[in-house]
C-alpha cells in the first residue's frame, strides 16, 4: 500500500465560524480579491467584515460557471488593483475561480499554458497567492481540492487547472451559510457530494485515509440529504451535509472519482445542466455497469466489497445487499426529482461523442474497472430517461 495525502493547509469547521474571517484574512496580504456569486444581500456582510480588517477588498462576481474568458478578465483587473490574496465566498464555481485566480496572481503565463486537455498542462512555477475558500453550498468540496474546473465556451468542454499547491490556504466551512439554500440547489449539490463519496470509495486509487473519510461522509449524507432538502432550516442536517461535502472533496483530491464524473465533465461542457443532477442521472447506471463488469472480468476487485459496505452504511442494515444500494439511489433520485439526461437536451445521437470525450476525461481513470465503449454507451442510454 503506497499513497500520498494532501488537503487544505487549515480547515475551520462549525456553525458561527464565519466570524473568524477578519483575523484569518488580516495577515495574508494588503488587498483581497473578493470573489462571490450574485446575491448582494448575502455578500454585503462579508464585504464589510473584510473592510473592517483592512483587507481593502476588490469584488468580482462569478454569476455562472467560471469560463476561461471571465477568469482572464478578472485576473487582469485583480493584478492592476494590486490584489495579493483571494477570498472566495460562494458555491463550487466561485471557489474554483478563486483557486485559479490565486494561481494566476503569481504565475504570469497565459491561462491556457496551465490548462489540461485544451492547453499545455504546464505546472505552476510559483506557489499561488494565499486563498481563503468559504463554501455556501454543500456539494462540490472545492474548498479541499487541488484543481479548478473551468468552462471553455469555444471548445464546449470543461477542463481543469491542476497543481498540488492550488489547495486553499484556509477552508472556512460554516453550515449556517447554507441554511438559505433553496431545495433545488440543495438537491443538486447534495447529490454531487454523495456521488463523489461513493466514487472515491470505490476508486482504483482509494487508500485507507480516503476510505475512512468516505465511510463517515456516506453515513452523514445518506441520513441528512432528504432532511436538508425538505427543511432547509435544519442546522443539524446542514452540518452533516457540509461535513460530507468537505470529506468528499478531500477524498476525491486524493483518490480520484469514476465514470459518473468522467461523463459529467464533458456533458457540462456540451449542455447547460446542473452538475449534481447530471451525476445523479448517471449514478445508478454506472453502478450497475461497474458491478456487471467487475463480476465478469475482475471478481476479486475490492470495489465489489466496497459497494456492499456502502449499502450497509447507507441503509444501516447489516444484511444489506448491493441491490439495496441501487434501490436506495433510485428512490432518492425520485424523491429529489432527478430527471433523465434527455431533460437537458441530450439524445441518442449525442452518445458517440460523449463516449469519446468521457474516455479521455481524467475522472474516468479512477473507475474501479476499465469499461468498454459499448458499456459506456449503455450507461448513457439507460440514463436518458429515469
Protein backbone atom coordinates (compact mmCIF):
# COMPACT_ATOMS: atom_id res chain seq x y z
CA UNK A 1 0.00 0.00 0.00
CA UNK A 2 1.58 3.23 -1.20
CA UNK A 3 -0.19 6.57 -1.31
CA UNK A 4 0.10 10.32 -0.78
CA UNK A 5 -2.39 12.54 1.02
CA UNK A 6 -2.83 16.30 0.96
CA UNK A 7 -5.53 18.79 1.83
CA UNK A 8 -6.07 22.47 2.62
CA UNK A 9 -3.40 23.92 4.89
CA UNK A 10 -6.02 24.74 7.52
CA UNK A 11 -9.65 23.64 7.90
CA UNK A 12 -12.01 25.55 10.19
CA UNK A 13 -15.44 23.97 10.56
CA UNK A 14 -18.53 24.83 12.57
CA UNK A 15 -21.64 26.94 12.92
CA UNK A 16 -20.74 30.59 13.50
CA UNK A 17 -17.12 30.19 12.37
CA UNK A 18 -17.64 32.88 9.72
CA UNK A 19 -16.93 35.38 12.49
CA UNK A 20 -13.27 34.32 12.35
CA UNK A 21 -12.79 35.65 8.81
CA UNK A 22 -11.27 39.05 9.77
CA UNK A 23 -8.39 37.62 11.80
CA UNK A 24 -7.81 34.89 9.20
CA UNK A 25 -7.62 37.41 6.35
CA UNK A 26 -5.63 40.18 8.05
CA UNK A 27 -2.16 38.53 7.88
CA UNK A 28 -2.44 37.29 4.30
CA UNK A 29 -1.76 40.47 2.33
CA UNK A 30 -2.63 44.07 1.70
CA UNK A 31 -5.58 43.72 -0.68
CA UNK A 32 -8.06 40.89 -1.17
CA UNK A 33 -9.63 39.87 -4.44
CA UNK A 34 -13.11 39.02 -3.17
CA UNK A 35 -14.86 36.50 -5.47
CA UNK A 36 -18.57 35.96 -4.95
CA UNK A 37 -21.80 34.97 -6.62
CA UNK A 38 -24.58 37.46 -7.32
CA UNK A 39 -26.58 37.55 -4.06
CA UNK A 40 -25.95 41.11 -2.86
CA UNK A 41 -27.82 40.62 0.42
CA UNK A 42 -25.57 37.71 1.35
CA UNK A 43 -22.37 39.30 0.07
CA UNK A 44 -22.63 42.67 1.86
CA UNK A 45 -21.91 41.44 5.44
CA UNK A 46 -18.84 39.53 4.26
CA UNK A 47 -17.58 42.53 2.28
CA UNK A 48 -17.99 44.64 5.43
CA UNK A 49 -16.06 42.12 7.52
CA UNK A 50 -13.17 42.32 5.07
CA UNK A 51 -13.24 46.11 5.06
CA UNK A 52 -13.10 46.24 8.84
CA UNK A 53 -9.98 44.08 8.97
CA UNK A 54 -8.18 46.29 6.42
CA UNK A 55 -8.44 43.84 3.53
CA UNK A 56 -9.44 46.69 1.16
CA UNK A 57 -11.43 44.14 -0.90
CA UNK A 58 -11.88 44.37 -4.66
CA UNK A 59 -15.08 42.48 -5.53
CA UNK A 60 -15.54 40.27 -8.58
CA UNK A 61 -18.65 38.26 -9.37
CA UNK A 62 -18.99 34.77 -10.82
CA UNK A 63 -22.67 34.51 -11.73
CA UNK A 64 -22.48 31.21 -13.64
CA UNK A 65 -19.87 28.54 -14.14
CA UNK A 66 -16.43 30.19 -14.46
CA UNK A 67 -15.27 30.48 -18.05
CA UNK A 68 -11.74 30.86 -19.32
CA UNK A 69 -12.67 34.29 -20.71
CA UNK A 70 -14.10 35.54 -17.42
CA UNK A 71 -11.10 34.30 -15.45
CA UNK A 72 -8.65 36.06 -17.78
CA UNK A 73 -10.59 39.32 -17.36
CA UNK A 74 -10.72 39.03 -13.56
CA UNK A 75 -7.02 38.21 -13.38
CA UNK A 76 -6.05 41.30 -15.40
CA UNK A 77 -8.22 43.53 -13.19
CA UNK A 78 -7.00 41.99 -9.93
CA UNK A 79 -3.37 42.46 -10.93
CA UNK A 80 -3.96 46.11 -11.82
CA UNK A 81 -5.68 46.69 -8.49
CA UNK A 82 -2.75 45.20 -6.55
CA UNK A 83 -4.62 42.21 -5.14
CA UNK A 84 -2.22 39.84 -3.42
CA UNK A 85 -4.59 37.24 -1.95
CA UNK A 86 -8.04 35.81 -2.62
CA UNK A 87 -11.22 35.30 -0.60
CA UNK A 88 -13.69 33.10 -2.48
CA UNK A 89 -17.19 33.12 -0.98
CA UNK A 90 -19.83 31.05 -2.77
CA UNK A 91 -20.54 27.71 -4.39
CA UNK A 92 -18.11 25.42 -6.13
CA UNK A 93 -17.89 27.62 -9.23
CA UNK A 94 -16.82 30.65 -7.18
CA UNK A 95 -14.29 28.66 -5.19
CA UNK A 96 -12.82 27.08 -8.33
CA UNK A 97 -12.46 30.55 -9.87
CA UNK A 98 -10.82 31.75 -6.66
CA UNK A 99 -8.24 28.97 -6.67
CA UNK A 100 -7.43 29.62 -10.32
CA UNK A 101 -7.14 33.37 -9.71
CA UNK A 102 -4.80 32.78 -6.76
CA UNK A 103 -2.57 30.70 -9.04
CA UNK A 104 -2.57 33.30 -11.83
CA UNK A 105 -1.75 36.19 -9.49
CA UNK A 106 1.71 34.71 -9.01
CA UNK A 107 2.16 32.83 -12.30
CA UNK A 108 2.28 35.18 -15.24
CA UNK A 109 1.99 32.85 -18.24
CA UNK A 110 -1.15 32.60 -20.35
CA UNK A 111 -4.02 30.69 -18.70
CA UNK A 112 -4.02 28.10 -21.48
CA UNK A 113 -0.42 27.20 -20.69
CA UNK A 114 -1.73 25.67 -17.44
CA UNK A 115 -4.96 24.04 -18.63
CA UNK A 116 -5.36 20.33 -19.23
CA UNK A 117 -6.76 18.88 -22.49
CA UNK A 118 -7.12 22.16 -24.42
CA UNK A 119 -3.88 23.74 -23.18
CA UNK A 120 -0.30 22.78 -22.47
CA UNK A 121 -0.91 21.43 -18.96
CA UNK A 122 2.28 23.02 -17.65
CA UNK A 123 2.93 23.04 -13.88
CA UNK A 124 2.89 26.26 -11.90
CA UNK A 125 6.29 27.88 -11.46
CA UNK A 126 5.38 29.70 -8.24
CA UNK A 127 3.14 28.97 -5.28
CA UNK A 128 -0.31 30.56 -5.66
CA UNK A 129 -1.27 33.63 -3.68
CA UNK A 130 -2.98 32.84 -0.36
CA UNK A 131 -6.62 31.81 -0.74
CA UNK A 132 -9.47 31.53 1.76
CA UNK A 133 -12.27 29.29 0.47
CA UNK A 134 -15.70 29.76 2.07
CA UNK A 135 -18.39 27.45 0.65
CA UNK A 136 -22.05 28.48 0.76
CA UNK A 137 -23.28 25.19 -0.72
CA UNK A 138 -22.71 21.60 0.39
CA UNK A 139 -21.72 19.61 -2.65
CA UNK A 140 -18.53 20.07 -4.58
CA UNK A 141 -15.98 20.01 -1.75
CA UNK A 142 -13.99 22.52 -3.84
CA UNK A 143 -12.61 24.04 -0.64
CA UNK A 144 -10.43 20.93 -0.28
CA UNK A 145 -9.43 20.11 -3.86
CA UNK A 146 -6.27 20.97 -5.78
CA UNK A 147 -7.84 21.86 -9.11
CA UNK A 148 -10.15 24.44 -10.63
CA UNK A 149 -12.75 23.41 -13.20
CA UNK A 150 -13.27 25.99 -15.95
CA UNK A 151 -15.61 26.07 -18.93
CA UNK A 152 -14.14 26.88 -22.32
CA UNK A 153 -17.13 28.02 -24.40
CA UNK A 154 -15.18 27.94 -27.65
CA UNK A 155 -14.20 24.30 -27.10
CA UNK A 156 -17.53 23.31 -25.47
CA UNK A 157 -15.67 21.48 -22.74
CA UNK A 158 -14.89 21.77 -19.04
CA UNK A 159 -11.21 21.43 -18.19
CA UNK A 160 -9.06 21.66 -15.10
CA UNK A 161 -6.20 23.81 -13.99
CA UNK A 162 -4.47 21.49 -11.56
CA UNK A 163 -1.49 21.61 -9.22
CA UNK A 164 -0.83 20.31 -5.67
CA UNK A 165 -0.18 23.86 -4.44
CA UNK A 166 -3.66 25.01 -5.51
CA UNK A 167 -5.17 23.67 -2.29
CA UNK A 168 -6.62 26.67 -0.39
CA UNK A 169 -4.65 28.23 2.43
CA UNK A 170 -7.77 28.13 4.62
CA UNK A 171 -11.03 26.26 4.14
CA UNK A 172 -13.63 28.03 6.29
CA UNK A 173 -16.84 25.96 6.47
CA UNK A 174 -19.81 27.40 8.35
CA UNK A 175 -23.05 25.36 7.95
CA UNK A 176 -25.10 28.42 8.89
CA UNK A 177 -24.19 29.89 5.49
CA UNK A 178 -26.10 27.01 3.86
CA UNK A 179 -29.43 27.44 5.65
CA UNK A 180 -30.86 29.61 2.88
CA UNK A 181 -30.09 27.21 0.01
CA UNK A 182 -33.30 26.50 -1.95
CA UNK A 183 -34.40 22.86 -2.36
CA UNK A 184 -33.25 22.58 -5.99
CA UNK A 185 -29.71 23.71 -5.11
CA UNK A 186 -29.70 21.51 -2.00
CA UNK A 187 -30.60 18.54 -4.19
CA UNK A 188 -28.08 19.18 -6.95
CA UNK A 189 -25.15 19.92 -4.66
CA UNK A 190 -26.01 17.19 -2.16
CA UNK A 191 -26.30 14.55 -4.88
CA UNK A 192 -22.90 15.64 -6.17
CA UNK A 193 -21.39 15.15 -2.70
CA UNK A 194 -22.96 11.70 -2.40
CA UNK A 195 -21.69 10.68 -5.82
CA UNK A 196 -18.19 11.92 -5.06
CA UNK A 197 -18.10 9.94 -1.82
CA UNK A 198 -19.27 6.72 -3.48
CA UNK A 199 -16.91 7.11 -6.45
CA UNK A 200 -13.88 7.96 -4.31
CA UNK A 201 -14.71 5.00 -2.01
CA UNK A 202 -14.76 2.52 -4.91
CA UNK A 203 -12.00 4.18 -6.95
CA UNK A 204 -8.97 2.16 -8.01
CA UNK A 205 -6.85 4.83 -6.29
CA UNK A 206 -8.59 4.69 -2.90
CA UNK A 207 -6.46 4.39 0.23
CA UNK A 208 -7.18 3.85 3.96
CA UNK A 209 -7.36 7.57 4.70
CA UNK A 210 -9.81 8.34 1.91
CA UNK A 211 -11.82 5.24 2.81
CA UNK A 212 -12.25 6.49 6.37
CA UNK A 213 -13.47 9.88 5.14
CA UNK A 214 -15.85 8.28 2.64
CA UNK A 215 -17.35 5.95 5.24
CA UNK A 216 -18.10 8.85 7.56
CA UNK A 217 -19.27 11.06 4.72
CA UNK A 218 -21.62 8.44 3.28
CA UNK A 219 -23.24 7.93 6.69
CA UNK A 220 -23.77 11.65 7.21
CA UNK A 221 -25.02 12.47 3.72
CA UNK A 222 -27.36 9.47 3.48
CA UNK A 223 -29.06 10.30 6.79
CA UNK A 224 -29.36 14.03 6.16
CA UNK A 225 -29.74 14.81 2.45
CA UNK A 226 -33.54 14.47 2.43
CA UNK A 227 -33.84 16.31 5.75
CA UNK A 228 -31.91 19.27 4.33
CA UNK A 229 -33.96 19.10 1.13
CA UNK A 230 -37.34 19.15 2.88
CA UNK A 231 -36.38 21.56 5.69
CA UNK A 232 -33.54 23.90 4.77
CA UNK A 233 -33.51 25.43 8.26
CA UNK A 234 -32.43 22.14 9.86
CA UNK A 235 -28.96 23.09 11.07
CA UNK A 236 -28.08 19.55 12.13
CA UNK A 237 -28.81 18.26 8.64
CA UNK A 238 -26.95 21.17 7.05
CA UNK A 239 -23.95 20.41 9.28
CA UNK A 240 -23.95 16.77 8.16
CA UNK A 241 -24.14 17.85 4.52
CA UNK A 242 -21.36 20.43 4.92
CA UNK A 243 -19.11 17.82 6.51
CA UNK A 244 -19.99 15.21 3.91
CA UNK A 245 -19.19 17.68 1.15
CA UNK A 246 -15.86 18.56 2.74
CA UNK A 247 -14.96 14.89 3.12
CA UNK A 248 -15.93 14.23 -0.49
CA UNK A 249 -13.60 16.98 -1.67
CA UNK A 250 -10.68 15.68 0.38
CA UNK A 251 -11.36 12.14 -0.80
CA UNK A 252 -11.62 12.93 -4.49
CA UNK A 253 -8.49 15.07 -4.38
CA UNK A 254 -6.55 12.07 -3.12
CA UNK A 255 -8.38 9.05 -4.59
CA UNK A 256 -9.97 10.32 -7.78
CA UNK A 257 -13.50 9.62 -8.98
CA UNK A 258 -15.02 7.36 -11.65
CA UNK A 259 -17.26 7.02 -14.68
CA UNK A 260 -20.04 9.28 -13.39
CA UNK A 261 -17.72 12.27 -13.25
CA UNK A 262 -15.89 11.03 -16.33
CA UNK A 263 -19.13 11.71 -18.22
CA UNK A 264 -20.36 14.67 -16.17
CA UNK A 265 -17.43 16.90 -17.14
CA UNK A 266 -17.89 16.56 -20.91
CA UNK A 267 -21.69 16.78 -20.58
CA UNK A 268 -21.34 20.02 -18.62
CA UNK A 269 -19.23 21.47 -21.40
CA UNK A 270 -21.68 20.48 -24.12
CA UNK A 271 -25.01 21.19 -22.42
CA UNK A 272 -26.36 23.65 -19.88
CA UNK A 273 -27.23 21.34 -16.99
CA UNK A 274 -26.77 21.33 -13.17
CA UNK A 275 -23.70 19.23 -12.47
CA UNK A 276 -25.15 17.39 -9.48
CA UNK A 277 -28.31 16.45 -11.35
CA UNK A 278 -26.25 15.10 -14.24
CA UNK A 279 -24.26 13.00 -11.77
CA UNK A 280 -27.45 11.68 -10.18
CA UNK A 281 -28.92 10.84 -13.60
CA UNK A 282 -25.87 8.69 -14.36
CA UNK A 283 -25.20 7.13 -10.97
CA UNK A 284 -27.49 4.10 -10.95
CA UNK A 285 -26.49 3.03 -14.48
CA UNK A 286 -22.79 3.44 -13.67
CA UNK A 287 -23.04 1.33 -10.52
CA UNK A 288 -24.97 -1.41 -12.39
CA UNK A 289 -22.47 -1.43 -15.25
CA UNK A 290 -19.47 -1.46 -12.92
CA UNK A 291 -20.93 -4.38 -10.96
CA UNK A 292 -21.57 -6.42 -14.10
CA UNK A 293 -18.08 -5.70 -15.48
CA UNK A 294 -16.35 -6.42 -12.16
CA UNK A 295 -18.14 -9.74 -11.67
CA UNK A 296 -17.38 -10.77 -15.25
CA UNK A 297 -13.78 -9.63 -15.59
CA UNK A 298 -12.33 -8.91 -12.15
CA UNK A 299 -14.28 -10.75 -9.41
CA UNK A 300 -11.51 -10.25 -6.84
CA UNK A 301 -11.59 -6.45 -7.17
CA UNK A 302 -12.07 -4.84 -3.72
CA UNK A 303 -14.62 -2.43 -5.18
CA UNK A 304 -17.23 -5.21 -5.08
CA UNK A 305 -16.91 -5.41 -1.31
CA UNK A 306 -16.89 -1.61 -1.14
CA UNK A 307 -20.28 -1.43 -2.88
CA UNK A 308 -21.69 -3.91 -0.34
CA UNK A 309 -20.21 -1.88 2.51
CA UNK A 310 -21.69 1.30 1.06
CA UNK A 311 -25.11 -0.37 1.07
CA UNK A 312 -24.67 -1.22 4.75
CA UNK A 313 -23.54 2.30 5.66
CA UNK A 314 -26.38 3.96 3.78
CA UNK A 315 -29.27 1.71 4.82
CA UNK A 316 -27.92 0.91 8.33
CA UNK A 317 -28.97 -2.68 7.61
CA UNK A 318 -26.23 -5.27 8.34
CA UNK A 319 -27.81 -7.61 5.81
CA UNK A 320 -27.99 -5.03 3.03
CA UNK A 321 -27.02 -6.15 -0.46
CA UNK A 322 -25.82 -4.22 -3.48
CA UNK A 323 -29.42 -4.30 -4.71
CA UNK A 324 -30.36 -2.32 -1.60
CA UNK A 325 -27.80 0.30 -2.58
CA UNK A 326 -29.27 0.57 -6.07
CA UNK A 327 -32.82 0.77 -4.73
CA UNK A 328 -31.81 3.50 -2.28
CA UNK A 329 -30.13 5.55 -5.03
CA UNK A 330 -33.11 5.21 -7.37
CA UNK A 331 -35.62 6.11 -4.64
CA UNK A 332 -33.57 9.13 -3.60
CA UNK A 333 -33.44 10.35 -7.20
CA UNK A 334 -37.22 10.06 -7.47
CA UNK A 335 -37.74 11.91 -4.19
CA UNK A 336 -35.42 14.72 -5.30
CA UNK A 337 -36.98 14.92 -8.77
CA UNK A 338 -33.88 13.96 -10.71
CA UNK A 339 -34.65 13.92 -14.44
CA UNK A 340 -33.08 11.79 -17.14
CA UNK A 341 -30.37 13.25 -19.33
CA UNK A 342 -32.87 13.97 -22.07
CA UNK A 343 -34.28 16.76 -19.90
CA UNK A 344 -31.06 18.65 -20.62
CA UNK A 345 -31.37 18.33 -24.39
CA UNK A 346 -29.29 15.17 -24.71
CA UNK A 347 -30.46 12.40 -27.02
CA UNK A 348 -29.16 9.16 -28.51
CA UNK A 349 -27.35 10.97 -31.33
CA UNK A 350 -25.02 12.57 -28.75
CA UNK A 351 -23.89 9.25 -27.26
CA UNK A 352 -20.89 8.52 -29.56
CA UNK A 353 -19.41 11.98 -28.94
CA UNK A 354 -19.93 11.71 -25.19
CA UNK A 355 -18.32 8.26 -25.10
CA UNK A 356 -15.24 9.58 -26.91
CA UNK A 357 -14.96 12.61 -24.62
CA UNK A 358 -15.71 10.61 -21.49
CA UNK A 359 -12.96 8.08 -22.25
CA UNK A 360 -10.40 10.89 -22.25
CA UNK A 361 -11.62 12.51 -19.02
CA UNK A 362 -9.29 12.32 -16.05
CA UNK A 363 -12.04 11.12 -13.71
CA UNK A 364 -12.62 8.03 -15.83
CA UNK A 365 -9.16 6.78 -14.85
CA UNK A 366 -10.34 6.25 -11.27
CA UNK A 367 -13.21 3.95 -12.21
CA UNK A 368 -12.70 0.58 -10.48
CA UNK A 369 -12.58 -1.20 -13.85
CA UNK A 370 -11.94 -0.02 -17.40
CA UNK A 371 -15.24 -0.04 -19.28
CA UNK A 372 -15.69 -0.86 -22.96
CA UNK A 373 -17.14 1.60 -25.43
CA UNK A 374 -20.36 -0.43 -25.51
CA UNK A 375 -20.60 -0.39 -21.70
CA UNK A 376 -20.08 3.37 -21.68
CA UNK A 377 -22.73 3.82 -24.35
CA UNK A 378 -25.14 1.61 -22.41
CA UNK A 379 -24.72 3.81 -19.32
CA UNK A 380 -25.76 6.83 -21.36
CA UNK A 381 -28.71 5.03 -22.99
CA UNK A 382 -30.03 3.94 -19.60
CA UNK A 383 -29.60 7.46 -18.21
CA UNK A 384 -31.54 9.29 -20.93
CA UNK A 385 -34.83 8.62 -19.15
CA UNK A 386 -35.30 7.76 -15.47
